[in-house]
């Protein structure tokens, strides 16, 4: 048996199923990805938070306490694809036998706007429901072509995310 876990200083816990999320982008025809900047249909990606407690911490200079209401998410160490751009949410395809010219694009909750993977959190950009013990951080992912048409092959990547509360 192997057991693992950690104790964190945060207003919410991450649901275990959201710690190692598997996202199936499906099988996409090469015809759909026949030129640069073509993309597949977006697939939802959700990070579930639980046990959220946003009690009044006093927010006083002497305690240094903060009342959290927002969260920022970063993806440290994510690799940009060749010819791609982290500011456009593009993640390198690191699958074995990879489809060429194909990256994975991470989108905000609207399913259209790319997540800028190059910036560090300055202030929380996702507002949390402070009246609820659960919160969902919703994103979308899709395949996108960079530098021309896609070739047949696998698509995959592994990224790590970190949450910072504000």
C-alpha atoms as a PDB file:
ATOM      1  CA  UNK A   1       0.000   0.000   0.000  1.00  0.00           C
ATOM      2  CA  UNK A   2       1.063   3.535  -0.692  1.00  0.00           C
ATOM      3  CA  UNK A   3      -0.549   6.446   1.073  1.00  0.00           C
ATOM      4  CA  UNK A   4       0.073  10.078   0.313  1.00  0.00           C
ATOM      5  CA  UNK A   5      -1.380  13.477   1.072  1.00  0.00           C
ATOM      6  CA  UNK A   6      -0.529  16.858   2.508  1.00  0.00           C
ATOM      7  CA  UNK A   7      -1.809  19.461   4.923  1.00  0.00           C
ATOM      8  CA  UNK A   8      -2.261  22.878   3.343  1.00  0.00           C
ATOM      9  CA  UNK A   9      -2.911  26.390   4.600  1.00  0.00           C
ATOM     10  CA  UNK A  10      -5.792  27.285   2.282  1.00  0.00           C
ATOM     11  CA  UNK A  11      -9.509  28.007   2.623  1.00  0.00           C
ATOM     12  CA  UNK A  12     -10.449  24.989   0.453  1.00  0.00           C
ATOM     13  CA  UNK A  13      -9.296  21.419  -0.127  1.00  0.00           C
ATOM     14  CA  UNK A  14      -8.959  19.921  -3.584  1.00  0.00           C
ATOM     15  CA  UNK A  15     -11.280  16.953  -4.166  1.00  0.00           C
ATOM     16  CA  UNK A  16      -9.061  13.860  -4.685  1.00  0.00           C
ATOM     17  CA  UNK A  17     -10.474  13.237  -8.192  1.00  0.00           C
ATOM     18  CA  UNK A  18      -9.361  16.766  -9.151  1.00  0.00           C
ATOM     19  CA  UNK A  19      -5.752  16.207  -8.120  1.00  0.00           C
ATOM     20  CA  UNK A  20      -4.976  13.938 -11.088  1.00  0.00           C
ATOM     21  CA  UNK A  21      -7.497  14.954 -13.727  1.00  0.00           C
ATOM     22  CA  UNK A  22      -7.662  12.924 -16.926  1.00  0.00           C
ATOM     23  CA  UNK A  23      -9.106  14.791 -19.912  1.00  0.00           C
ATOM     24  CA  UNK A  24     -10.085  12.823 -23.030  1.00  0.00           C
ATOM     25  CA  UNK A  25      -9.838  15.142 -26.037  1.00  0.00           C
ATOM     26  CA  UNK A  26     -11.276  12.416 -28.258  1.00  0.00           C
ATOM     27  CA  UNK A  27     -10.394  11.352 -31.778  1.00  0.00           C
ATOM     28  CA  UNK A  28     -10.303  14.263 -34.205  1.00  0.00           C
ATOM     29  CA  UNK A  29     -10.140  13.948 -37.985  1.00  0.00           C
ATOM     30  CA  UNK A  30      -7.035  15.326 -39.713  1.00  0.00           C
ATOM     31  CA  UNK A  31      -9.458  17.150 -42.037  1.00  0.00           C
ATOM     32  CA  UNK A  32     -10.660  19.194 -39.050  1.00  0.00           C
ATOM     33  CA  UNK A  33      -7.057  20.177 -38.324  1.00  0.00           C
ATOM     34  CA  UNK A  34      -5.988  20.830 -41.923  1.00  0.00           C
ATOM     35  CA  UNK A  35      -4.197  24.182 -41.425  1.00  0.00           C
ATOM     36  CA  UNK A  36      -2.654  26.341 -38.705  1.00  0.00           C
ATOM     37  CA  UNK A  37      -5.050  27.679 -36.043  1.00  0.00           C
ATOM     38  CA  UNK A  38      -7.730  25.041 -36.593  1.00  0.00           C
ATOM     39  CA  UNK A  39      -9.094  23.388 -33.482  1.00  0.00           C
ATOM     40  CA  UNK A  40     -11.296  20.619 -32.140  1.00  0.00           C
ATOM     41  CA  UNK A  41     -14.415  21.063 -30.039  1.00  0.00           C
ATOM     42  CA  UNK A  42     -13.632  22.146 -26.474  1.00  0.00           C
ATOM     43  CA  UNK A  43     -13.897  19.568 -23.683  1.00  0.00           C
ATOM     44  CA  UNK A  44     -14.753  20.649 -20.100  1.00  0.00           C
ATOM     45  CA  UNK A  45     -12.075  20.518 -17.405  1.00  0.00           C
ATOM     46  CA  UNK A  46     -13.205  21.045 -13.805  1.00  0.00           C
ATOM     47  CA  UNK A  47     -11.176  21.390 -10.617  1.00  0.00           C
ATOM     48  CA  UNK A  48     -13.470  20.710  -7.664  1.00  0.00           C
ATOM     49  CA  UNK A  49     -12.819  22.364  -4.321  1.00  0.00           C
ATOM     50  CA  UNK A  50     -14.455  21.225  -1.101  1.00  0.00           C
ATOM     51  CA  UNK A  51     -14.456  22.017   2.590  1.00  0.00           C
ATOM     52  CA  UNK A  52     -14.203  25.710   1.790  1.00  0.00           C
ATOM     53  CA  UNK A  53     -14.293  27.946   4.840  1.00  0.00           C
ATOM     54  CA  UNK A  54     -14.179  31.683   4.324  1.00  0.00           C
ATOM     55  CA  UNK A  55     -14.697  32.803   7.906  1.00  0.00           C
ATOM     56  CA  UNK A  56     -13.772  36.342   8.812  1.00  0.00           C
ATOM     57  CA  UNK A  57     -10.093  36.214   9.692  1.00  0.00           C
ATOM     58  CA  UNK A  58     -10.027  39.764  10.946  1.00  0.00           C
ATOM     59  CA  UNK A  59      -7.886  41.191   8.141  1.00  0.00           C
ATOM     60  CA  UNK A  60      -5.818  43.157  10.628  1.00  0.00           C
ATOM     61  CA  UNK A  61      -2.208  44.260  10.155  1.00  0.00           C
ATOM     62  CA  UNK A  62      -1.127  42.710  13.470  1.00  0.00           C
ATOM     63  CA  UNK A  63      -2.381  39.209  12.576  1.00  0.00           C
ATOM     64  CA  UNK A  64      -1.542  39.353   8.885  1.00  0.00           C
ATOM     65  CA  UNK A  65      -4.780  37.462   8.270  1.00  0.00           C
ATOM     66  CA  UNK A  66      -6.627  37.767   5.003  1.00  0.00           C
ATOM     67  CA  UNK A  67     -10.218  37.181   4.002  1.00  0.00           C
ATOM     68  CA  UNK A  68      -9.944  35.081   0.846  1.00  0.00           C
ATOM     69  CA  UNK A  69     -12.513  35.486  -1.917  1.00  0.00           C
ATOM     70  CA  UNK A  70     -10.545  34.827  -5.118  1.00  0.00           C
ATOM     71  CA  UNK A  71      -8.131  32.270  -6.463  1.00  0.00           C
ATOM     72  CA  UNK A  72      -5.518  32.364  -9.204  1.00  0.00           C
ATOM     73  CA  UNK A  73      -4.286  29.256 -10.961  1.00  0.00           C
ATOM     74  CA  UNK A  74      -0.848  28.810 -12.464  1.00  0.00           C
ATOM     75  CA  UNK A  75       0.714  25.980 -14.439  1.00  0.00           C
ATOM     76  CA  UNK A  76       4.407  25.943 -13.485  1.00  0.00           C
ATOM     77  CA  UNK A  77       6.806  24.282 -15.876  1.00  0.00           C
ATOM     78  CA  UNK A  78       4.330  23.969 -18.742  1.00  0.00           C
ATOM     79  CA  UNK A  79       6.116  23.671 -22.097  1.00  0.00           C
ATOM     80  CA  UNK A  80       5.085  25.718 -25.133  1.00  0.00           C
ATOM     81  CA  UNK A  81       4.736  23.868 -28.424  1.00  0.00           C
ATOM     82  CA  UNK A  82       7.218  24.522 -31.222  1.00  0.00           C
ATOM     83  CA  UNK A  83       5.707  27.449 -33.105  1.00  0.00           C
ATOM     84  CA  UNK A  84       3.127  27.905 -30.331  1.00  0.00           C
ATOM     85  CA  UNK A  85       2.537  30.480 -27.634  1.00  0.00           C
ATOM     86  CA  UNK A  86       1.945  30.099 -23.883  1.00  0.00           C
ATOM     87  CA  UNK A  87       0.035  33.408 -23.856  1.00  0.00           C
ATOM     88  CA  UNK A  88      -2.531  31.678 -26.091  1.00  0.00           C
ATOM     89  CA  UNK A  89      -2.892  28.757 -23.671  1.00  0.00           C
ATOM     90  CA  UNK A  90      -0.955  26.391 -25.937  1.00  0.00           C
ATOM     91  CA  UNK A  91       0.714  23.363 -24.342  1.00  0.00           C
ATOM     92  CA  UNK A  92       3.283  21.172 -26.117  1.00  0.00           C
ATOM     93  CA  UNK A  93       2.115  17.772 -27.319  1.00  0.00           C
ATOM     94  CA  UNK A  94       4.466  15.394 -25.494  1.00  0.00           C
ATOM     95  CA  UNK A  95       2.724  12.126 -26.400  1.00  0.00           C
ATOM     96  CA  UNK A  96       4.737   9.230 -27.764  1.00  0.00           C
ATOM     97  CA  UNK A  97       4.234   9.005 -31.552  1.00  0.00           C
ATOM     98  CA  UNK A  98       2.831  12.563 -31.502  1.00  0.00           C
ATOM     99  CA  UNK A  99       0.640  14.139 -34.135  1.00  0.00           C
ATOM    100  CA  UNK A 100       2.786  16.905 -35.619  1.00  0.00           C
ATOM    101  CA  UNK A 101       1.723  20.556 -35.498  1.00  0.00           C
ATOM    102  CA  UNK A 102      -0.820  19.763 -32.772  1.00  0.00           C
ATOM    103  CA  UNK A 103      -0.866  21.356 -29.325  1.00  0.00           C
ATOM    104  CA  UNK A 104      -3.367  21.345 -26.484  1.00  0.00           C
ATOM    105  CA  UNK A 105      -5.049  24.669 -25.780  1.00  0.00           C
ATOM    106  CA  UNK A 106      -6.433  25.552 -22.349  1.00  0.00           C
ATOM    107  CA  UNK A 107      -9.414  27.927 -22.353  1.00  0.00           C
ATOM    108  CA  UNK A 108     -11.176  29.934 -19.654  1.00  0.00           C
ATOM    109  CA  UNK A 109     -14.666  29.007 -18.443  1.00  0.00           C
ATOM    110  CA  UNK A 110     -16.288  30.721 -21.457  1.00  0.00           C
ATOM    111  CA  UNK A 111     -14.801  28.014 -23.712  1.00  0.00           C
ATOM    112  CA  UNK A 112     -13.322  30.633 -26.058  1.00  0.00           C
ATOM    113  CA  UNK A 113     -10.738  32.812 -24.286  1.00  0.00           C
ATOM    114  CA  UNK A 114      -7.278  31.219 -23.923  1.00  0.00           C
ATOM    115  CA  UNK A 115      -5.681  30.983 -20.481  1.00  0.00           C
ATOM    116  CA  UNK A 116      -2.402  32.944 -20.461  1.00  0.00           C
ATOM    117  CA  UNK A 117      -0.029  30.260 -19.212  1.00  0.00           C
ATOM    118  CA  UNK A 118       2.948  32.636 -19.130  1.00  0.00           C
ATOM    119  CA  UNK A 119       1.875  34.907 -16.288  1.00  0.00           C
ATOM    120  CA  UNK A 120       2.248  34.497 -12.559  1.00  0.00           C
ATOM    121  CA  UNK A 121      -0.708  35.319 -10.346  1.00  0.00           C
ATOM    122  CA  UNK A 122      -0.742  38.952  -9.285  1.00  0.00           C
ATOM    123  CA  UNK A 123      -4.284  38.918  -7.948  1.00  0.00           C
ATOM    124  CA  UNK A 124      -6.931  36.227  -7.942  1.00  0.00           C
ATOM    125  CA  UNK A 125      -8.769  36.210 -11.237  1.00  0.00           C
ATOM    126  CA  UNK A 126     -11.443  33.661 -10.329  1.00  0.00           C
ATOM    127  CA  UNK A 127     -14.056  34.789  -7.813  1.00  0.00           C
ATOM    128  CA  UNK A 128     -15.085  32.110  -5.322  1.00  0.00           C
ATOM    129  CA  UNK A 129     -18.544  31.611  -3.863  1.00  0.00           C
ATOM    130  CA  UNK A 130     -17.687  32.448  -0.258  1.00  0.00           C
ATOM    131  CA  UNK A 131     -21.134  31.327   0.932  1.00  0.00           C
ATOM    132  CA  UNK A 132     -20.555  27.747  -0.234  1.00  0.00           C
ATOM    133  CA  UNK A 133     -18.385  24.920   1.087  1.00  0.00           C
ATOM    134  CA  UNK A 134     -17.765  23.794  -2.511  1.00  0.00           C
ATOM    135  CA  UNK A 135     -16.451  25.628  -5.557  1.00  0.00           C
ATOM    136  CA  UNK A 136     -15.717  24.601  -9.127  1.00  0.00           C
ATOM    137  CA  UNK A 137     -12.921  26.018 -11.259  1.00  0.00           C
ATOM    138  CA  UNK A 138     -14.128  25.497 -14.817  1.00  0.00           C
ATOM    139  CA  UNK A 139     -11.950  25.433 -17.910  1.00  0.00           C
ATOM    140  CA  UNK A 140     -12.006  23.863 -21.362  1.00  0.00           C
ATOM    141  CA  UNK A 141      -9.304  22.146 -23.409  1.00  0.00           C
ATOM    142  CA  UNK A 142      -9.046  21.397 -27.106  1.00  0.00           C
ATOM    143  CA  UNK A 143      -6.557  20.381 -29.770  1.00  0.00           C
ATOM    144  CA  UNK A 144      -5.190  23.239 -31.862  1.00  0.00           C
ATOM    145  CA  UNK A 145      -2.839  23.246 -34.838  1.00  0.00           C
ATOM    146  CA  UNK A 146       0.326  25.323 -34.811  1.00  0.00           C
ATOM    147  CA  UNK A 147       2.649  25.738 -37.800  1.00  0.00           C
ATOM    148  CA  UNK A 148       0.362  24.019 -40.316  1.00  0.00           C
ATOM    149  CA  UNK A 149      -1.788  20.962 -40.830  1.00  0.00           C
ATOM    150  CA  UNK A 150      -1.852  18.101 -38.345  1.00  0.00           C
ATOM    151  CA  UNK A 151      -0.456  14.686 -39.101  1.00  0.00           C
ATOM    152  CA  UNK A 152      -1.822  11.457 -37.694  1.00  0.00           C
ATOM    153  CA  UNK A 153      -0.603  10.583 -34.210  1.00  0.00           C
ATOM    154  CA  UNK A 154      -1.229  10.803 -30.484  1.00  0.00           C
ATOM    155  CA  UNK A 155      -1.950  13.932 -28.479  1.00  0.00           C
ATOM    156  CA  UNK A 156      -1.106  14.257 -24.805  1.00  0.00           C
ATOM    157  CA  UNK A 157       0.588  16.319 -22.125  1.00  0.00           C
ATOM    158  CA  UNK A 158       0.962  16.373 -18.368  1.00  0.00           C
ATOM    159  CA  UNK A 159       0.750  19.684 -16.544  1.00  0.00           C
ATOM    160  CA  UNK A 160       0.808  20.646 -12.885  1.00  0.00           C
ATOM    161  CA  UNK A 161      -1.434  23.338 -11.482  1.00  0.00           C
ATOM    162  CA  UNK A 162      -1.076  25.448  -8.353  1.00  0.00           C
ATOM    163  CA  UNK A 163      -3.727  27.523  -6.632  1.00  0.00           C
ATOM    164  CA  UNK A 164      -3.051  30.805  -4.856  1.00  0.00           C
ATOM    165  CA  UNK A 165      -5.812  32.377  -2.811  1.00  0.00           C
ATOM    166  CA  UNK A 166      -6.371  36.129  -2.460  1.00  0.00           C
END
